[in-house]
Amino acid sequence: MIDATSPVPKYVQLRALLVDLIEGAGSEPDAPMPSERELCQRYGLSRMTVRQAVDQLVSEGRLYRVPGKGTFVARPKIDMPLRLSSSFTAEMKARGMTPGAIDLDHRTVPASGHVARSLGLAAGAYVHVLERLRTADGAPMAVERCHIPAALAPDLLTTRLAGQSLYDLLERRYGIAFDSGDQTIEAALASPLDAELLQLPQPSPVLLLRRRSYLRATCAELTESTYRADRYQLHTNLDLPRQPADPRRARQD
């Protein structure tokens, strides 16, 4: 229950109780939450305090509101892969979800300045640009803009990519199997276009990913993606590097 004598603000205490309720047994995605009036009565709190706690959980992506219907449990966030070998298609299938891709645009054009520099191409070299909306179980998850040097995959755009992994296609048809890469991730607000595609209100936070993939030290892909921040979280394992034993101490021991 809420401890009125605690130095912890009441809305913070309520948030913790609601997290336990959300993560407790039987709290399935899209399950309705108690109304603000019910929470006020149950915990003896003001409407403003209850709304503050609920607003925070909505901003964290744990709950979502439907106007005129109430507040509901959001779907669990998906761990964003931080490894080169993963593709969106493979990651969604591994989670038991159905991956999808809606082709927004595809074209072959001279690379812009920053794309040419990122790919290590000469100014004006041609690149394939593939813009896709990535979905999971039909829900929009990310807007993906991929740039691939046209010289490495000349007829790539003649293939329909819906329903298959781009990485698998590149390896199978062109022998492009990435062996290294680098990736940057930063927080931002969705552009009006991306917010509309991802079905997000404005302004909404998103994760911007910029990924370069290499084949034998040659940059063969630049992908810039906008991911829904309410559906993704970053996760990585941390290992403490072992210090080499001091041979002098070993001799002394």
C-alpha atoms as a PDB file:
ATOM      1  CA  MET A   1       0.000   0.000   0.000  1.00  0.00           C
ATOM      2  CA  ILE A   2       0.962   3.668  -0.150  1.00  0.00           C
ATOM      3  CA  ASP A   3       3.070   4.825   2.813  1.00  0.00           C
ATOM      4  CA  ALA A   4       2.045   8.401   3.612  1.00  0.00           C
ATOM      5  CA  THR A   5       5.074   8.823   5.928  1.00  0.00           C
ATOM      6  CA  SER A   6       7.636   7.770   3.320  1.00  0.00           C
ATOM      7  CA  PRO A   7       9.974  10.377   1.772  1.00  0.00           C
ATOM      8  CA  VAL A   8       9.316   8.686  -1.578  1.00  0.00           C
ATOM      9  CA  PRO A   9       6.629  10.662  -3.490  1.00  0.00           C
ATOM     10  CA  LYS A  10       3.258   8.971  -3.587  1.00  0.00           C
ATOM     11  CA  TYR A  11       3.136   8.851  -7.380  1.00  0.00           C
ATOM     12  CA  VAL A  12       6.502   7.025  -7.402  1.00  0.00           C
ATOM     13  CA  GLN A  13       5.142   4.493  -4.908  1.00  0.00           C
ATOM     14  CA  LEU A  14       2.042   4.020  -7.037  1.00  0.00           C
ATOM     15  CA  ARG A  15       4.143   3.573 -10.169  1.00  0.00           C
ATOM     16  CA  ALA A  16       6.016   0.719  -8.471  1.00  0.00           C
ATOM     17  CA  LEU A  17       2.732  -0.925  -7.455  1.00  0.00           C
ATOM     18  CA  LEU A  18       1.379  -0.613 -10.997  1.00  0.00           C
ATOM     19  CA  VAL A  19       4.585  -2.104 -12.455  1.00  0.00           C
ATOM     20  CA  ASP A  20       4.046  -5.117 -10.174  1.00  0.00           C
ATOM     21  CA  LEU A  21       0.467  -5.301 -11.446  1.00  0.00           C
ATOM     22  CA  ILE A  22       1.570  -5.035 -15.091  1.00  0.00           C
ATOM     23  CA  GLU A  23       4.268  -7.683 -14.735  1.00  0.00           C
ATOM     24  CA  GLY A  24       2.225  -9.950 -12.486  1.00  0.00           C
ATOM     25  CA  ALA A  25       0.661 -13.229 -13.487  1.00  0.00           C
ATOM     26  CA  GLY A  26      -2.263 -12.848 -15.849  1.00  0.00           C
ATOM     27  CA  SER A  27      -1.388  -9.358 -17.074  1.00  0.00           C
ATOM     28  CA  GLU A  28      -1.388 -10.050 -20.799  1.00  0.00           C
ATOM     29  CA  PRO A  29      -0.705  -7.423 -23.469  1.00  0.00           C
ATOM     30  CA  ASP A  30      -3.789  -5.298 -24.188  1.00  0.00           C
ATOM     31  CA  ALA A  31      -5.325  -6.229 -20.807  1.00  0.00           C
ATOM     32  CA  PRO A  32      -7.305  -3.289 -19.331  1.00  0.00           C
ATOM     33  CA  MET A  33      -5.925  -1.473 -16.312  1.00  0.00           C
ATOM     34  CA  PRO A  34      -8.064  -0.181 -13.437  1.00  0.00           C
ATOM     35  CA  SER A  35      -9.476   3.258 -14.154  1.00  0.00           C
ATOM     36  CA  GLU A  36      -8.034   6.344 -12.509  1.00  0.00           C
ATOM     37  CA  ARG A  37     -11.119   6.554 -10.296  1.00  0.00           C
ATOM     38  CA  GLU A  38     -10.643   2.948  -9.163  1.00  0.00           C
ATOM     39  CA  LEU A  39      -6.974   3.586  -8.385  1.00  0.00           C
ATOM     40  CA  CYS A  40      -7.867   6.708  -6.401  1.00  0.00           C
ATOM     41  CA  GLN A  41     -10.325   4.730  -4.289  1.00  0.00           C
ATOM     42  CA  ARG A  42      -8.076   1.688  -3.886  1.00  0.00           C
ATOM     43  CA  TYR A  43      -5.006   3.612  -2.710  1.00  0.00           C
ATOM     44  CA  GLY A  44      -6.563   6.731  -1.208  1.00  0.00           C
ATOM     45  CA  LEU A  45      -4.860   9.080  -3.628  1.00  0.00           C
ATOM     46  CA  SER A  46      -5.850  12.214  -5.473  1.00  0.00           C
ATOM     47  CA  ARG A  47      -6.705  12.083  -9.165  1.00  0.00           C
ATOM     48  CA  MET A  48      -3.645  14.221  -9.975  1.00  0.00           C
ATOM     49  CA  THR A  49      -1.273  11.816  -8.182  1.00  0.00           C
ATOM     50  CA  VAL A  50      -2.764   8.797  -9.957  1.00  0.00           C
ATOM     51  CA  ARG A  51      -2.591  10.500 -13.330  1.00  0.00           C
ATOM     52  CA  GLN A  52       1.067  11.430 -12.751  1.00  0.00           C
ATOM     53  CA  ALA A  53       1.983   7.776 -12.130  1.00  0.00           C
ATOM     54  CA  VAL A  54      -0.031   6.523 -15.114  1.00  0.00           C
ATOM     55  CA  ASP A  55       1.381   9.220 -17.399  1.00  0.00           C
ATOM     56  CA  GLN A  56       4.902   8.114 -16.500  1.00  0.00           C
ATOM     57  CA  LEU A  57       4.127   4.475 -17.343  1.00  0.00           C
ATOM     58  CA  VAL A  58       2.574   5.554 -20.645  1.00  0.00           C
ATOM     59  CA  SER A  59       5.693   7.581 -21.493  1.00  0.00           C
ATOM     60  CA  GLU A  60       7.836   4.519 -20.646  1.00  0.00           C
ATOM     61  CA  GLY A  61       5.837   2.374 -23.062  1.00  0.00           C
ATOM     62  CA  ARG A  62       4.474   0.059 -20.348  1.00  0.00           C
ATOM     63  CA  LEU A  63       0.883   1.273 -20.788  1.00  0.00           C
ATOM     64  CA  TYR A  64      -1.085   2.881 -23.600  1.00  0.00           C
ATOM     65  CA  ARG A  65      -4.310   4.850 -23.693  1.00  0.00           C
ATOM     66  CA  VAL A  66      -7.269   4.523 -26.043  1.00  0.00           C
ATOM     67  CA  PRO A  67      -9.429   7.668 -25.920  1.00  0.00           C
ATOM     68  CA  GLY A  68     -12.885   6.885 -24.602  1.00  0.00           C
ATOM     69  CA  LYS A  69     -11.954   3.317 -23.662  1.00  0.00           C
ATOM     70  CA  GLY A  70      -9.253   3.426 -21.005  1.00  0.00           C
ATOM     71  CA  THR A  71      -5.670   2.421 -20.306  1.00  0.00           C
ATOM     72  CA  PHE A  72      -4.206  -0.931 -21.320  1.00  0.00           C
ATOM     73  CA  VAL A  73      -1.064  -3.017 -20.831  1.00  0.00           C
ATOM     74  CA  ALA A  74       1.412  -2.453 -23.660  1.00  0.00           C
ATOM     75  CA  ARG A  75       3.227  -5.254 -25.401  1.00  0.00           C
ATOM     76  CA  PRO A  76       6.667  -6.062 -23.947  1.00  0.00           C
ATOM     77  CA  LYS A  77       9.559  -4.181 -25.495  1.00  0.00           C
ATOM     78  CA  ILE A  78      11.815  -6.025 -27.899  1.00  0.00           C
ATOM     79  CA  ASP A  79      15.541  -6.198 -27.226  1.00  0.00           C
ATOM     80  CA  MET A  80      17.366  -4.395 -30.003  1.00  0.00           C
ATOM     81  CA  PRO A  81      20.081  -6.678 -31.434  1.00  0.00           C
ATOM     82  CA  LEU A  82      23.619  -5.334 -31.182  1.00  0.00           C
ATOM     83  CA  ARG A  83      25.233  -7.939 -33.391  1.00  0.00           C
ATOM     84  CA  LEU A  84      26.012  -7.899 -37.091  1.00  0.00           C
ATOM     85  CA  SER A  85      24.597 -11.310 -37.987  1.00  0.00           C
ATOM     86  CA  SER A  86      21.022 -10.470 -37.023  1.00  0.00           C
ATOM     87  CA  SER A  87      18.380  -9.300 -39.454  1.00  0.00           C
ATOM     88  CA  PHE A  88      14.936  -7.905 -38.672  1.00  0.00           C
ATOM     89  CA  THR A  89      13.316 -10.947 -40.277  1.00  0.00           C
ATOM     90  CA  ALA A  90      15.356 -13.411 -38.221  1.00  0.00           C
ATOM     91  CA  GLU A  91      14.875 -11.493 -34.973  1.00  0.00           C
ATOM     92  CA  MET A  92      11.095 -11.368 -35.318  1.00  0.00           C
ATOM     93  CA  LYS A  93      10.854 -15.042 -36.245  1.00  0.00           C
ATOM     94  CA  ALA A  94      12.987 -15.944 -33.212  1.00  0.00           C
ATOM     95  CA  ARG A  95      10.408 -14.177 -31.030  1.00  0.00           C
ATOM     96  CA  GLY A  96       7.499 -16.035 -32.581  1.00  0.00           C
ATOM     97  CA  MET A  97       6.314 -12.962 -34.471  1.00  0.00           C
ATOM     98  CA  THR A  98       5.525 -12.646 -38.164  1.00  0.00           C
ATOM     99  CA  PRO A  99       7.919 -10.190 -39.855  1.00  0.00           C
ATOM    100  CA  GLY A 100       6.738  -8.038 -42.712  1.00  0.00           C
ATOM    101  CA  ALA A 101       7.998  -5.324 -45.040  1.00  0.00           C
ATOM    102  CA  ILE A 102       6.043  -2.697 -46.935  1.00  0.00           C
ATOM    103  CA  ASP A 103       7.980  -1.285 -49.888  1.00  0.00           C
ATOM    104  CA  LEU A 104       7.847   2.508 -49.636  1.00  0.00           C
ATOM    105  CA  ASP A 105      10.281   3.305 -52.434  1.00  0.00           C
ATOM    106  CA  HIS A 106      13.250   1.820 -54.290  1.00  0.00           C
ATOM    107  CA  ARG A 107      15.487   3.568 -56.761  1.00  0.00           C
ATOM    108  CA  THR A 108      19.029   3.716 -58.142  1.00  0.00           C
ATOM    109  CA  VAL A 109      20.549   7.173 -57.847  1.00  0.00           C
ATOM    110  CA  PRO A 110      23.933   8.913 -57.551  1.00  0.00           C
ATOM    111  CA  ALA A 111      25.001   8.778 -53.916  1.00  0.00           C
ATOM    112  CA  SER A 112      24.615  11.973 -51.910  1.00  0.00           C
ATOM    113  CA  GLY A 113      27.713  13.388 -50.256  1.00  0.00           C
ATOM    114  CA  HIS A 114      27.325  11.772 -46.830  1.00  0.00           C
ATOM    115  CA  VAL A 115      26.232   8.411 -48.322  1.00  0.00           C
ATOM    116  CA  ALA A 116      29.247   8.344 -50.666  1.00  0.00           C
ATOM    117  CA  ARG A 117      31.604   9.150 -47.783  1.00  0.00           C
ATOM    118  CA  SER A 118      30.030   6.530 -45.529  1.00  0.00           C
ATOM    119  CA  LEU A 119      30.304   3.834 -48.200  1.00  0.00           C
ATOM    120  CA  GLY A 120      33.760   4.918 -49.341  1.00  0.00           C
ATOM    121  CA  LEU A 121      32.529   5.599 -52.877  1.00  0.00           C
ATOM    122  CA  ALA A 122      33.600   8.165 -55.414  1.00  0.00           C
ATOM    123  CA  ALA A 123      31.343  11.200 -55.754  1.00  0.00           C
ATOM    124  CA  GLY A 124      28.431  10.416 -58.053  1.00  0.00           C
ATOM    125  CA  ALA A 125      28.731   6.620 -57.794  1.00  0.00           C
ATOM    126  CA  TYR A 126      25.374   4.905 -58.063  1.00  0.00           C
ATOM    127  CA  VAL A 127      23.664   3.261 -55.098  1.00  0.00           C
ATOM    128  CA  HIS A 128      20.469   1.307 -54.691  1.00  0.00           C
ATOM    129  CA  VAL A 129      18.154   2.903 -52.126  1.00  0.00           C
ATOM    130  CA  LEU A 130      15.493   0.716 -50.525  1.00  0.00           C
ATOM    131  CA  GLU A 131      12.972   2.342 -48.194  1.00  0.00           C
ATOM    132  CA  ARG A 132      10.772  -0.079 -46.288  1.00  0.00           C
ATOM    133  CA  LEU A 133       8.366  -0.043 -43.373  1.00  0.00           C
ATOM    134  CA  ARG A 134       9.179  -3.043 -41.180  1.00  0.00           C
ATOM    135  CA  THR A 135       6.299  -4.677 -39.327  1.00  0.00           C
ATOM    136  CA  ALA A 136       5.845  -7.404 -36.729  1.00  0.00           C
ATOM    137  CA  ASP A 137       2.477  -9.168 -36.536  1.00  0.00           C
ATOM    138  CA  GLY A 138       1.178  -6.361 -38.743  1.00  0.00           C
ATOM    139  CA  ALA A 139       2.238  -3.546 -36.392  1.00  0.00           C
ATOM    140  CA  PRO A 140       4.692  -0.905 -37.696  1.00  0.00           C
ATOM    141  CA  MET A 141       8.046  -1.161 -35.926  1.00  0.00           C
ATOM    142  CA  ALA A 142      10.678   0.698 -37.957  1.00  0.00           C
ATOM    143  CA  VAL A 143      11.312   2.735 -41.084  1.00  0.00           C
ATOM    144  CA  GLU A 144      14.408   1.402 -42.828  1.00  0.00           C
ATOM    145  CA  ARG A 145      16.433   3.212 -45.494  1.00  0.00           C
ATOM    146  CA  CYS A 146      19.135   1.000 -46.946  1.00  0.00           C
ATOM    147  CA  HIS A 147      21.912   2.060 -49.360  1.00  0.00           C
ATOM    148  CA  ILE A 148      23.904  -0.544 -51.284  1.00  0.00           C
ATOM    149  CA  PRO A 149      26.551   0.202 -53.960  1.00  0.00           C
ATOM    150  CA  ALA A 150      24.943  -0.628 -57.294  1.00  0.00           C
ATOM    151  CA  ALA A 151      28.194  -2.146 -58.579  1.00  0.00           C
ATOM    152  CA  LEU A 152      28.011  -4.902 -55.944  1.00  0.00           C
ATOM    153  CA  ALA A 153      24.440  -5.977 -56.771  1.00  0.00           C
ATOM    154  CA  PRO A 154      23.586  -4.660 -60.240  1.00  0.00           C
ATOM    155  CA  ASP A 155      20.053  -6.076 -60.640  1.00  0.00           C
ATOM    156  CA  LEU A 156      19.004  -6.042 -56.978  1.00  0.00           C
ATOM    157  CA  LEU A 157      15.911  -3.908 -57.529  1.00  0.00           C
ATOM    158  CA  THR A 158      14.428  -6.415 -59.975  1.00  0.00           C
ATOM    159  CA  THR A 159      13.761  -8.757 -57.035  1.00  0.00           C
ATOM    160  CA  ARG A 160      10.693  -8.421 -54.844  1.00  0.00           C
ATOM    161  CA  LEU A 161      11.929  -8.222 -51.255  1.00  0.00           C
ATOM    162  CA  ALA A 162       8.619  -8.681 -49.455  1.00  0.00           C
ATOM    163  CA  GLY A 163       8.650 -11.786 -47.327  1.00  0.00           C
ATOM    164  CA  GLN A 164      12.410 -12.348 -47.346  1.00  0.00           C
ATOM    165  CA  SER A 165      15.538 -11.100 -45.620  1.00  0.00           C
ATOM    166  CA  LEU A 166      17.669  -8.650 -47.581  1.00  0.00           C
ATOM    167  CA  TYR A 167      20.800 -10.072 -45.937  1.00  0.00           C
ATOM    168  CA  ASP A 168      19.889 -13.607 -47.028  1.00  0.00           C
ATOM    169  CA  LEU A 169      19.284 -12.415 -50.585  1.00  0.00           C
ATOM    170  CA  LEU A 170      22.592 -10.555 -50.775  1.00  0.00           C
ATOM    171  CA  GLU A 171      24.497 -13.609 -49.584  1.00  0.00           C
ATOM    172  CA  ARG A 172      22.633 -16.111 -51.749  1.00  0.00           C
ATOM    173  CA  ARG A 173      22.645 -14.182 -55.027  1.00  0.00           C
ATOM    174  CA  TYR A 174      25.705 -11.939 -54.824  1.00  0.00           C
ATOM    175  CA  GLY A 175      27.972 -13.660 -52.310  1.00  0.00           C
ATOM    176  CA  ILE A 176      27.841 -10.653 -49.985  1.00  0.00           C
ATOM    177  CA  ALA A 177      28.197 -12.102 -46.486  1.00  0.00           C
ATOM    178  CA  PHE A 178      29.076  -9.309 -44.077  1.00  0.00           C
ATOM    179  CA  ASP A 179      32.006 -10.049 -41.765  1.00  0.00           C
ATOM    180  CA  SER A 180      32.249  -6.801 -39.765  1.00  0.00           C
ATOM    181  CA  GLY A 181      30.421  -3.564 -39.187  1.00  0.00           C
ATOM    182  CA  ASP A 182      29.755  -0.589 -36.956  1.00  0.00           C
ATOM    183  CA  GLN A 183      26.553   0.876 -35.576  1.00  0.00           C
ATOM    184  CA  THR A 184      25.529   4.062 -33.771  1.00  0.00           C
ATOM    185  CA  ILE A 185      22.269   4.538 -31.873  1.00  0.00           C
ATOM    186  CA  GLU A 186      20.862   7.827 -30.649  1.00  0.00           C
ATOM    187  CA  ALA A 187      17.598   9.184 -29.308  1.00  0.00           C
ATOM    188  CA  ALA A 188      15.556  11.653 -31.344  1.00  0.00           C
ATOM    189  CA  LEU A 189      12.042  12.801 -32.115  1.00  0.00           C
ATOM    190  CA  ALA A 190      10.275  11.238 -35.072  1.00  0.00           C
ATOM    191  CA  SER A 191      10.011  13.339 -38.198  1.00  0.00           C
ATOM    192  CA  PRO A 192       6.431  14.073 -39.336  1.00  0.00           C
ATOM    193  CA  LEU A 193       6.765  11.494 -42.142  1.00  0.00           C
ATOM    194  CA  ASP A 194       8.190   8.736 -39.942  1.00  0.00           C
ATOM    195  CA  ALA A 195       5.657   9.445 -37.183  1.00  0.00           C
ATOM    196  CA  GLU A 196       2.850   8.962 -39.703  1.00  0.00           C
ATOM    197  CA  LEU A 197       4.352   5.730 -41.046  1.00  0.00           C
ATOM    198  CA  LEU A 198       4.923   4.351 -37.536  1.00  0.00           C
ATOM    199  CA  GLN A 199       1.476   5.475 -36.355  1.00  0.00           C
ATOM    200  CA  LEU A 200       2.935   7.626 -33.585  1.00  0.00           C
ATOM    201  CA  PRO A 201       1.592  10.892 -32.194  1.00  0.00           C
ATOM    202  CA  GLN A 202       3.768  13.965 -32.504  1.00  0.00           C
ATOM    203  CA  PRO A 203       6.142  14.513 -30.888  1.00  0.00           C
ATOM    204  CA  SER A 204       7.237  10.942 -30.151  1.00  0.00           C
ATOM    205  CA  PRO A 205      10.668   9.612 -29.172  1.00  0.00           C
ATOM    206  CA  VAL A 206      12.401   7.204 -31.525  1.00  0.00           C
ATOM    207  CA  LEU A 207      15.729   5.432 -31.779  1.00  0.00           C
ATOM    208  CA  LEU A 208      17.869   6.358 -34.790  1.00  0.00           C
ATOM    209  CA  LEU A 209      20.227   3.639 -35.987  1.00  0.00           C
ATOM    210  CA  ARG A 210      23.047   4.139 -38.455  1.00  0.00           C
ATOM    211  CA  ARG A 211      24.680   0.876 -39.478  1.00  0.00           C
ATOM    212  CA  ARG A 212      27.553   0.142 -41.848  1.00  0.00           C
ATOM    213  CA  SER A 213      28.334  -3.428 -42.839  1.00  0.00           C
ATOM    214  CA  TYR A 214      31.574  -4.601 -44.434  1.00  0.00           C
ATOM    215  CA  LEU A 215      32.732  -7.422 -46.655  1.00  0.00           C
ATOM    216  CA  ARG A 216      36.510  -7.900 -46.541  1.00  0.00           C
ATOM    217  CA  ALA A 217      37.041  -4.278 -45.413  1.00  0.00           C
ATOM    218  CA  THR A 218      34.747  -2.936 -48.174  1.00  0.00           C
ATOM    219  CA  CYS A 219      31.660  -1.102 -46.966  1.00  0.00           C
ATOM    220  CA  ALA A 220      28.782  -2.821 -48.751  1.00  0.00           C
ATOM    221  CA  GLU A 221      25.771  -1.430 -46.887  1.00  0.00           C
ATOM    222  CA  LEU A 222      24.658   1.725 -45.124  1.00  0.00           C
ATOM    223  CA  THR A 223      21.301   1.518 -43.395  1.00  0.00           C
ATOM    224  CA  GLU A 224      19.642   4.384 -41.527  1.00  0.00           C
ATOM    225  CA  SER A 225      16.581   3.297 -39.561  1.00  0.00           C
ATOM    226  CA  THR A 226      13.987   4.878 -37.294  1.00  0.00           C
ATOM    227  CA  TYR A 227      12.729   2.502 -34.588  1.00  0.00           C
ATOM    228  CA  ARG A 228       9.800   3.029 -32.243  1.00  0.00           C
ATOM    229  CA  ALA A 229      11.223   3.808 -28.809  1.00  0.00           C
ATOM    230  CA  ASP A 230       8.035   2.529 -27.152  1.00  0.00           C
ATOM    231  CA  ARG A 231       8.614  -0.962 -28.574  1.00  0.00           C
ATOM    232  CA  TYR A 232      12.401  -1.350 -28.277  1.00  0.00           C
ATOM    233  CA  GLN A 233      15.012  -1.396 -25.555  1.00  0.00           C
ATOM    234  CA  LEU A 234      18.787  -1.841 -25.697  1.00  0.00           C
ATOM    235  CA  HIS A 235      20.260  -4.910 -24.047  1.00  0.00           C
ATOM    236  CA  THR A 236      23.814  -6.170 -23.919  1.00  0.00           C
ATOM    237  CA  ASN A 237      25.923  -8.466 -21.768  1.00  0.00           C
ATOM    238  CA  LEU A 238      28.763  -6.945 -19.764  1.00  0.00           C
ATOM    239  CA  ASP A 239      31.941  -8.874 -19.009  1.00  0.00           C
ATOM    240  CA  LEU A 240      34.712  -7.639 -16.759  1.00  0.00           C
ATOM    241  CA  PRO A 241      38.036  -8.118 -18.568  1.00  0.00           C
ATOM    242  CA  ARG A 242      40.416 -10.263 -16.580  1.00  0.00           C
ATOM    243  CA  GLN A 243      43.732  -8.638 -15.689  1.00  0.00           C
ATOM    244  CA  PRO A 244      46.780 -10.650 -16.726  1.00  0.00           C
ATOM    245  CA  ALA A 245      48.608 -12.186 -13.812  1.00  0.00           C
ATOM    246  CA  ASP A 246      51.724 -10.316 -12.698  1.00  0.00           C
ATOM    247  CA  PRO A 247      54.625 -12.719 -13.337  1.00  0.00           C
ATOM    248  CA  ARG A 248      56.727 -10.931 -10.687  1.00  0.00           C
ATOM    249  CA  ARG A 249      54.099 -11.548  -8.019  1.00  0.00           C
ATOM    250  CA  ALA A 250      53.789 -15.166  -9.132  1.00  0.00           C
ATOM    251  CA  ARG A 251      57.547 -15.633  -8.560  1.00  0.00           C
ATOM    252  CA  GLN A 252      57.326 -13.970  -5.131  1.00  0.00           C
ATOM    253  CA  ASP A 253      54.412 -16.202  -4.137  1.00  0.00           C
END
